[in-house]
Amino acid sequence: MSAPAPAAPGVRIKAVYNHLDLLLTGVDRLKRAGFTGWQVQAPCPRHEIEEAVYEGRPSPVRWWTLTGAIVGLTTGFLLTSLTHAQWPMINPGGKPTVAIVPFAVIMFECTILFGSLATFLGMILHCGLPSFFLDKALQDPRVTDESFTIVFTRANPADEGRITELLQKSGAVEVTTGDDTVYEVPNAV
């Protein structure tokens, strides 16, 4: 019995576009061809890219916001009610020790604070920040200025030719594969 063949490592493929409409054409053709595992980079946030890539699915960050808000509301209630129960003041007229109405401001503020902090944390994590381990093909300084890219960091080597041809026909000004996908700034120190 022979040992299974080791899995072939993926190949990098990067397509650089000068215009948004050409990038969207490339994304559409990749989706229709059934390719997965690619990432899109843009110099600025564009709703068209988000709609094309995620197909209208909402962001998972909203669940971070909801969880943070629920935790904040609970924390605000527990903070105020347990503090008031621990050190009861004079209770005139048989009023309840733990009352919701006076605690509403603290509960509201904790809801907003925890919800916003959880949103920020969720956004950072889902954006892949910090990018210490970001693939070199994704670290292209041209994307911060003017270009759009579609990057495969681990494409199937058997599909390399099909993907490259598809990206070239969609209007990419540059399609590189392998180690050529790593862009180095000319005359950089």
Protein backbone atom coordinates (compact mmCIF):
# COMPACT_ATOMS: atom_id res chain seq x y z
CA MET A 1 0.00 0.00 0.00
CA SER A 2 1.51 3.31 -1.02
CA ALA A 3 1.40 6.50 0.96
CA PRO A 4 -0.97 9.19 -0.29
CA ALA A 5 0.63 11.80 -2.47
CA PRO A 6 1.28 15.07 -0.69
CA ALA A 7 -1.13 17.84 -1.54
CA ALA A 8 0.24 20.21 -4.12
CA PRO A 9 0.76 23.69 -2.72
CA GLY A 10 -1.42 26.36 -4.17
CA VAL A 11 -0.21 28.90 -6.66
CA ARG A 12 -0.54 32.66 -6.34
CA ILE A 13 -2.40 34.53 -9.06
CA LYS A 14 -2.96 38.27 -9.06
CA ALA A 15 -4.89 40.41 -11.53
CA VAL A 16 -4.58 44.20 -11.44
CA TYR A 17 -7.39 46.37 -12.83
CA ASN A 18 -7.46 50.11 -13.47
CA HIS A 19 -11.24 50.48 -13.46
CA LEU A 20 -13.99 49.30 -11.15
CA ASP A 21 -16.29 48.02 -13.91
CA LEU A 22 -13.57 45.71 -15.24
CA LEU A 23 -12.95 44.37 -11.72
CA LEU A 24 -16.66 43.64 -11.33
CA THR A 25 -16.58 41.82 -14.68
CA GLY A 26 -13.70 39.68 -13.40
CA VAL A 27 -15.54 38.92 -10.14
CA ASP A 28 -18.69 37.96 -12.05
CA ARG A 29 -16.79 35.65 -14.41
CA LEU A 30 -14.93 33.99 -11.52
CA LYS A 31 -18.20 33.34 -9.72
CA ARG A 32 -19.87 31.95 -12.86
CA ALA A 33 -16.88 29.68 -13.50
CA GLY A 34 -17.16 28.36 -9.93
CA PHE A 35 -13.78 29.48 -8.61
CA THR A 36 -13.44 30.23 -4.90
CA GLY A 37 -10.68 31.31 -2.56
CA TRP A 38 -9.98 34.72 -4.09
CA GLN A 39 -9.83 38.13 -2.45
CA VAL A 40 -10.61 41.57 -3.83
CA GLN A 41 -8.66 44.69 -2.91
CA ALA A 42 -9.68 48.27 -3.66
CA PRO A 43 -8.24 51.70 -2.90
CA CYS A 44 -11.51 52.80 -1.28
CA PRO A 45 -14.68 51.10 -0.04
CA ARG A 46 -17.18 50.52 -2.84
CA HIS A 47 -20.68 49.13 -2.39
CA GLU A 48 -20.58 47.59 -5.85
CA ILE A 49 -17.69 45.32 -4.82
CA GLU A 50 -19.39 44.34 -1.58
CA GLU A 51 -22.60 43.44 -3.41
CA ALA A 52 -20.75 41.45 -6.07
CA VAL A 53 -18.54 39.52 -3.66
CA TYR A 54 -20.98 38.88 -0.81
CA GLU A 55 -24.17 38.68 -2.91
CA GLY A 56 -26.14 40.84 -0.49
CA ARG A 57 -25.37 38.78 2.62
CA PRO A 58 -25.17 41.06 5.66
CA SER A 59 -21.94 41.57 7.54
CA PRO A 60 -21.23 39.26 10.50
CA VAL A 61 -20.15 42.32 12.50
CA ARG A 62 -23.80 43.02 13.33
CA TRP A 63 -23.81 39.96 15.62
CA TRP A 64 -20.84 41.41 17.51
CA THR A 65 -22.84 44.62 17.99
CA LEU A 66 -25.91 42.78 19.25
CA THR A 67 -23.86 40.62 21.63
CA GLY A 68 -22.00 43.64 22.99
CA ALA A 69 -25.25 45.55 23.49
CA ILE A 70 -26.87 42.67 25.37
CA VAL A 71 -23.79 42.23 27.55
CA GLY A 72 -23.73 46.00 28.17
CA LEU A 73 -27.40 46.14 29.13
CA THR A 74 -26.95 43.20 31.50
CA THR A 75 -23.78 44.69 32.96
CA GLY A 76 -25.47 48.06 33.48
CA PHE A 77 -28.40 46.46 35.28
CA LEU A 78 -26.21 44.26 37.45
CA LEU A 79 -23.83 47.10 38.27
CA THR A 80 -26.58 49.40 39.47
CA SER A 81 -28.85 46.86 41.15
CA LEU A 82 -26.10 44.95 42.97
CA THR A 83 -24.49 48.20 44.10
CA HIS A 84 -27.82 49.47 45.39
CA ALA A 85 -28.56 46.15 47.09
CA GLN A 86 -25.12 46.06 48.71
CA TRP A 87 -25.45 49.56 50.16
CA PRO A 88 -29.15 50.25 50.62
CA MET A 89 -30.03 53.82 51.34
CA ILE A 90 -32.97 54.95 53.39
CA ASN A 91 -35.99 53.53 51.66
CA PRO A 92 -38.74 56.13 52.01
CA GLY A 93 -42.30 55.08 51.53
CA GLY A 94 -41.57 51.41 50.81
CA LYS A 95 -40.07 52.04 47.39
CA PRO A 96 -38.27 49.03 45.86
CA THR A 97 -34.55 48.66 46.45
CA VAL A 98 -33.95 47.69 42.85
CA ALA A 99 -35.92 49.93 40.50
CA ILE A 100 -35.55 49.95 36.74
CA VAL A 101 -36.45 53.57 36.01
CA PRO A 102 -33.62 55.24 37.98
CA PHE A 103 -31.12 52.75 36.59
CA ALA A 104 -32.17 53.26 32.95
CA VAL A 105 -29.53 55.90 32.22
CA ILE A 106 -26.65 53.71 33.41
CA MET A 107 -28.08 50.70 31.56
CA PHE A 108 -28.42 52.74 28.35
CA GLU A 109 -24.88 54.08 28.58
CA CYS A 110 -23.43 50.59 29.21
CA THR A 111 -25.43 49.24 26.25
CA ILE A 112 -23.97 51.87 23.92
CA LEU A 113 -20.43 51.51 25.32
CA PHE A 114 -20.27 47.71 25.13
CA GLY A 115 -22.06 47.61 21.77
CA SER A 116 -19.64 50.08 20.20
CA LEU A 117 -16.56 48.36 21.63
CA ALA A 118 -17.79 44.97 20.41
CA THR A 119 -18.49 46.44 16.96
CA PHE A 120 -14.97 47.82 16.79
CA LEU A 121 -13.47 44.48 17.90
CA GLY A 122 -15.61 42.52 15.41
CA MET A 123 -14.69 44.88 12.58
CA ILE A 124 -10.97 44.56 13.35
CA LEU A 125 -11.14 40.76 13.51
CA HIS A 126 -13.25 40.33 10.36
CA CYS A 127 -11.02 42.72 8.41
CA GLY A 128 -8.03 40.53 9.23
CA LEU A 129 -6.20 43.19 11.21
CA PRO A 130 -3.47 43.40 12.26
CA SER A 131 -2.01 42.06 9.04
CA PHE A 132 1.23 40.61 10.39
CA PHE A 133 0.75 37.35 8.49
CA LEU A 134 -0.77 38.76 5.32
CA ASP A 135 0.41 37.05 2.15
CA LYS A 136 3.00 39.04 0.20
CA ALA A 137 0.80 39.05 -2.90
CA LEU A 138 -1.79 41.09 -0.98
CA GLN A 139 0.73 43.74 0.06
CA ASP A 140 0.69 45.73 -3.15
CA PRO A 141 1.14 49.49 -2.60
CA ARG A 142 -0.57 50.29 -5.90
CA VAL A 143 -3.91 49.29 -4.39
CA THR A 144 -3.77 52.17 -1.91
CA ASP A 145 -3.60 54.70 -4.75
CA GLU A 146 -5.43 53.71 -7.90
CA SER A 147 -5.64 50.01 -8.71
CA PHE A 148 -8.06 47.21 -7.94
CA THR A 149 -6.88 43.60 -7.59
CA ILE A 150 -8.21 40.08 -7.46
CA VAL A 151 -5.78 37.76 -5.68
CA PHE A 152 -5.69 33.99 -5.35
CA THR A 153 -3.19 33.09 -2.61
CA ARG A 154 -3.62 29.32 -2.97
CA ALA A 155 -5.24 28.52 -6.30
CA ASN A 156 -5.28 24.95 -7.56
CA PRO A 157 -2.24 24.55 -9.87
CA ALA A 158 -4.39 22.59 -12.34
CA ASP A 159 -6.68 25.63 -12.73
CA GLU A 160 -3.90 28.19 -13.15
CA GLY A 161 -4.24 28.45 -16.93
CA ARG A 162 -8.04 28.77 -16.86
CA ILE A 163 -7.97 31.40 -14.12
CA THR A 164 -5.22 33.42 -15.81
CA GLU A 165 -7.05 33.39 -19.16
CA LEU A 166 -10.35 34.32 -17.54
CA LEU A 167 -8.78 37.27 -15.68
CA GLN A 168 -6.97 38.50 -18.81
CA LYS A 169 -10.18 38.38 -20.85
CA SER A 170 -12.04 40.33 -18.18
CA GLY A 171 -9.84 43.38 -18.76
CA ALA A 172 -6.98 43.05 -16.28
CA VAL A 173 -3.99 45.22 -17.20
CA GLU A 174 -1.63 42.80 -15.45
CA VAL A 175 -1.99 39.13 -14.52
CA THR A 176 0.92 37.54 -12.67
CA THR A 177 1.44 34.11 -11.19
CA GLY A 178 3.79 32.51 -8.70
CA ASP A 179 6.46 34.68 -7.11
CA ASP A 180 5.87 37.40 -9.72
CA THR A 181 2.70 38.39 -7.82
CA VAL A 182 4.83 40.06 -5.13
CA TYR A 183 5.16 43.70 -6.15
CA GLU A 184 8.23 45.49 -4.93
CA VAL A 185 8.39 49.25 -4.93
CA PRO A 186 11.03 50.48 -7.39
CA ASN A 187 14.00 52.24 -5.78
CA ALA A 188 12.81 51.39 -2.28
CA VAL A 189 15.41 51.52 0.43
